Amino acid sequence: MTDLTLKQCQETVDNWIMTIGVRYYSELTNTAVLMEEVGEVALIMSRRYGDQSFKKSDEAVDLADEMADVLFVLICLANQTGVDLTAAFEKNLAKKTGRDKERHANNPKLK
């Protein structure tokens, strides 16, 4: 695959769901699945970058794959709820830029 836009990702996931996945899970189920997937990312992060160690059975985990799982389910939820992720991301970044530009630049903890 080449570089994908968020719009293309949303279209790709929708096509996959309709051809391979049969149908979307309910929004509530997908929210629970999203939390499960975020938990798997958190587990890897806590063991790889935190103080916990991996169990033998967890040593082969793939952080990128788990992050992709999070993205996939998030895209499913966006598709189900009519959220245009491109527009949402642009709006959110503008909000953060306006709110945080000086705050972060003046934060001595970030120097």
C-alpha atoms as a PDB file:
ATOM      1  CA  MET A   1       0.000   0.000   0.000  1.00  0.00           C
ATOM      2  CA  THR A   2       1.064   3.553  -0.582  1.00  0.00           C
ATOM      3  CA  ASP A   3       0.607   6.442   1.813  1.00  0.00           C
ATOM      4  CA  LEU A   4      -3.074   6.688   2.646  1.00  0.00           C
ATOM      5  CA  THR A   5      -5.115   9.706   3.607  1.00  0.00           C
ATOM      6  CA  LEU A   6      -7.541   9.451   6.498  1.00  0.00           C
ATOM      7  CA  LYS A   7     -10.375   9.517   3.959  1.00  0.00           C
ATOM      8  CA  GLN A   8      -8.830   6.599   2.091  1.00  0.00           C
ATOM      9  CA  CYS A   9      -8.382   4.725   5.372  1.00  0.00           C
ATOM     10  CA  GLN A  10     -12.058   5.238   6.182  1.00  0.00           C
ATOM     11  CA  GLU A  11     -13.050   3.996   2.717  1.00  0.00           C
ATOM     12  CA  THR A  12     -10.676   1.004   2.933  1.00  0.00           C
ATOM     13  CA  VAL A  13     -12.016  -0.063   6.327  1.00  0.00           C
ATOM     14  CA  ASP A  14     -15.614   0.319   5.149  1.00  0.00           C
ATOM     15  CA  ASN A  15     -14.891  -1.796   2.078  1.00  0.00           C
ATOM     16  CA  TRP A  16     -13.186  -4.455   4.221  1.00  0.00           C
ATOM     17  CA  ILE A  17     -16.104  -4.565   6.639  1.00  0.00           C
ATOM     18  CA  MET A  18     -18.636  -4.896   3.823  1.00  0.00           C
ATOM     19  CA  THR A  19     -16.739  -7.592   1.924  1.00  0.00           C
ATOM     20  CA  ILE A  20     -14.892  -9.586   4.590  1.00  0.00           C
ATOM     21  CA  GLY A  21     -16.206  -8.521   7.971  1.00  0.00           C
ATOM     22  CA  VAL A  22     -19.864  -9.072   6.976  1.00  0.00           C
ATOM     23  CA  ARG A  23     -21.066  -6.018   8.954  1.00  0.00           C
ATOM     24  CA  TYR A  24     -19.926  -3.560  11.578  1.00  0.00           C
ATOM     25  CA  TYR A  25     -20.218  -4.607  15.198  1.00  0.00           C
ATOM     26  CA  SER A  26     -22.536  -2.330  17.144  1.00  0.00           C
ATOM     27  CA  GLU A  27     -21.089   0.995  18.219  1.00  0.00           C
ATOM     28  CA  LEU A  28     -21.103  -0.130  21.850  1.00  0.00           C
ATOM     29  CA  THR A  29     -19.289  -3.373  21.007  1.00  0.00           C
ATOM     30  CA  ASN A  30     -16.719  -1.478  18.943  1.00  0.00           C
ATOM     31  CA  THR A  31     -16.192   0.931  21.835  1.00  0.00           C
ATOM     32  CA  ALA A  32     -15.434  -2.030  24.093  1.00  0.00           C
ATOM     33  CA  VAL A  33     -13.130  -3.526  21.439  1.00  0.00           C
ATOM     34  CA  LEU A  34     -11.349  -0.165  21.169  1.00  0.00           C
ATOM     35  CA  MET A  35     -10.741  -0.156  24.913  1.00  0.00           C
ATOM     36  CA  GLU A  36      -9.365  -3.711  24.702  1.00  0.00           C
ATOM     37  CA  GLU A  37      -6.988  -2.720  21.915  1.00  0.00           C
ATOM     38  CA  VAL A  38      -5.828   0.424  23.747  1.00  0.00           C
ATOM     39  CA  GLY A  39      -5.189  -1.795  26.762  1.00  0.00           C
ATOM     40  CA  GLU A  40      -2.962  -4.030  24.656  1.00  0.00           C
ATOM     41  CA  VAL A  41      -0.948  -0.983  23.543  1.00  0.00           C
ATOM     42  CA  ALA A  42      -0.706   0.137  27.180  1.00  0.00           C
ATOM     43  CA  LEU A  43       0.550  -3.293  28.227  1.00  0.00           C
ATOM     44  CA  ILE A  44       3.335  -3.208  25.648  1.00  0.00           C
ATOM     45  CA  MET A  45       4.282   0.354  26.551  1.00  0.00           C
ATOM     46  CA  SER A  46       4.407  -0.432  30.279  1.00  0.00           C
ATOM     47  CA  ARG A  47       6.640  -3.405  29.689  1.00  0.00           C
ATOM     48  CA  ARG A  48       8.867  -1.983  26.968  1.00  0.00           C
ATOM     49  CA  TYR A  49       9.289   1.547  28.349  1.00  0.00           C
ATOM     50  CA  GLY A  50       8.098   1.237  31.930  1.00  0.00           C
ATOM     51  CA  ASP A  51       9.156  -0.752  34.941  1.00  0.00           C
ATOM     52  CA  GLN A  52       7.341  -4.012  34.239  1.00  0.00           C
ATOM     53  CA  SER A  53       8.945  -6.919  32.432  1.00  0.00           C
ATOM     54  CA  PHE A  54       7.422  -9.078  29.716  1.00  0.00           C
ATOM     55  CA  LYS A  55       6.060 -12.503  30.523  1.00  0.00           C
ATOM     56  CA  LYS A  56       7.525 -15.228  28.307  1.00  0.00           C
ATOM     57  CA  SER A  57       4.186 -15.471  26.473  1.00  0.00           C
ATOM     58  CA  ASP A  58       4.157 -11.721  25.694  1.00  0.00           C
ATOM     59  CA  GLU A  59       7.697 -11.258  24.393  1.00  0.00           C
ATOM     60  CA  ALA A  60       6.755 -11.486  20.706  1.00  0.00           C
ATOM     61  CA  VAL A  61       4.135  -8.729  20.794  1.00  0.00           C
ATOM     62  CA  ASP A  62       4.200  -6.178  17.982  1.00  0.00           C
ATOM     63  CA  LEU A  63       3.558  -2.578  19.050  1.00  0.00           C
ATOM     64  CA  ALA A  64       2.923  -1.385  15.491  1.00  0.00           C
ATOM     65  CA  ASP A  65       0.340  -4.121  14.928  1.00  0.00           C
ATOM     66  CA  GLU A  66      -1.439  -3.269  18.170  1.00  0.00           C
ATOM     67  CA  MET A  67      -1.475   0.432  17.249  1.00  0.00           C
ATOM     68  CA  ALA A  68      -2.926  -0.518  13.863  1.00  0.00           C
ATOM     69  CA  ASP A  69      -5.662  -2.469  15.674  1.00  0.00           C
ATOM     70  CA  VAL A  70      -6.522   0.688  17.632  1.00  0.00           C
ATOM     71  CA  LEU A  71      -6.628   2.725  14.432  1.00  0.00           C
ATOM     72  CA  PHE A  72      -8.799   0.159  12.644  1.00  0.00           C
ATOM     73  CA  VAL A  73     -11.433   0.089  15.382  1.00  0.00           C
ATOM     74  CA  LEU A  74     -11.357   3.880  15.747  1.00  0.00           C
ATOM     75  CA  ILE A  75     -11.970   4.170  12.003  1.00  0.00           C
ATOM     76  CA  CYS A  76     -14.865   1.710  12.319  1.00  0.00           C
ATOM     77  CA  LEU A  77     -16.423   3.918  14.986  1.00  0.00           C
ATOM     78  CA  ALA A  78     -15.890   7.029  12.878  1.00  0.00           C
ATOM     79  CA  ASN A  79     -17.566   5.363   9.907  1.00  0.00           C
ATOM     80  CA  GLN A  80     -20.464   4.167  12.030  1.00  0.00           C
ATOM     81  CA  THR A  81     -21.090   7.559  13.605  1.00  0.00           C
ATOM     82  CA  GLY A  82     -20.591   9.690  10.488  1.00  0.00           C
ATOM     83  CA  VAL A  83     -17.350  11.314  11.628  1.00  0.00           C
ATOM     84  CA  ASP A  84     -15.064  12.607   8.871  1.00  0.00           C
ATOM     85  CA  LEU A  85     -11.690  11.966  10.485  1.00  0.00           C
ATOM     86  CA  THR A  86      -9.887  14.378   8.159  1.00  0.00           C
ATOM     87  CA  ALA A  87     -12.148  17.266   9.133  1.00  0.00           C
ATOM     88  CA  ALA A  88     -12.110  16.230  12.794  1.00  0.00           C
ATOM     89  CA  PHE A  89      -8.308  16.022  12.870  1.00  0.00           C
ATOM     90  CA  GLU A  90      -7.874  19.395  11.163  1.00  0.00           C
ATOM     91  CA  LYS A  91     -10.330  21.037  13.574  1.00  0.00           C
ATOM     92  CA  ASN A  92      -8.676  19.396  16.586  1.00  0.00           C
ATOM     93  CA  LEU A  93      -5.184  20.444  15.505  1.00  0.00           C
ATOM     94  CA  ALA A  94      -6.364  24.040  15.018  1.00  0.00           C
ATOM     95  CA  LYS A  95      -7.861  23.963  18.516  1.00  0.00           C
ATOM     96  CA  LYS A  96      -4.638  22.634  20.024  1.00  0.00           C
ATOM     97  CA  THR A  97      -2.524  25.147  18.104  1.00  0.00           C
ATOM     98  CA  GLY A  98      -4.572  28.104  19.295  1.00  0.00           C
ATOM     99  CA  ARG A  99      -4.787  26.890  22.857  1.00  0.00           C
ATOM    100  CA  ASP A 100      -1.324  25.477  23.442  1.00  0.00           C
ATOM    101  CA  LYS A 101       1.213  27.316  21.291  1.00  0.00           C
ATOM    102  CA  GLU A 102       2.400  29.749  23.943  1.00  0.00           C
ATOM    103  CA  ARG A 103       1.619  27.466  26.854  1.00  0.00           C
ATOM    104  CA  HIS A 104       4.006  24.765  25.633  1.00  0.00           C
ATOM    105  CA  ALA A 105       6.652  27.244  24.452  1.00  0.00           C
ATOM    106  CA  ASN A 106       6.649  28.848  27.919  1.00  0.00           C
ATOM    107  CA  ASN A 107       6.594  25.596  29.888  1.00  0.00           C
ATOM    108  CA  PRO A 108       9.955  25.243  31.675  1.00  0.00           C
ATOM    109  CA  LYS A 109       9.313  21.507  32.054  1.00  0.00           C
ATOM    110  CA  LEU A 110       9.588  21.128  28.265  1.00  0.00           C
ATOM    111  CA  LYS A 111      12.902  22.937  27.925  1.00  0.00           C
END
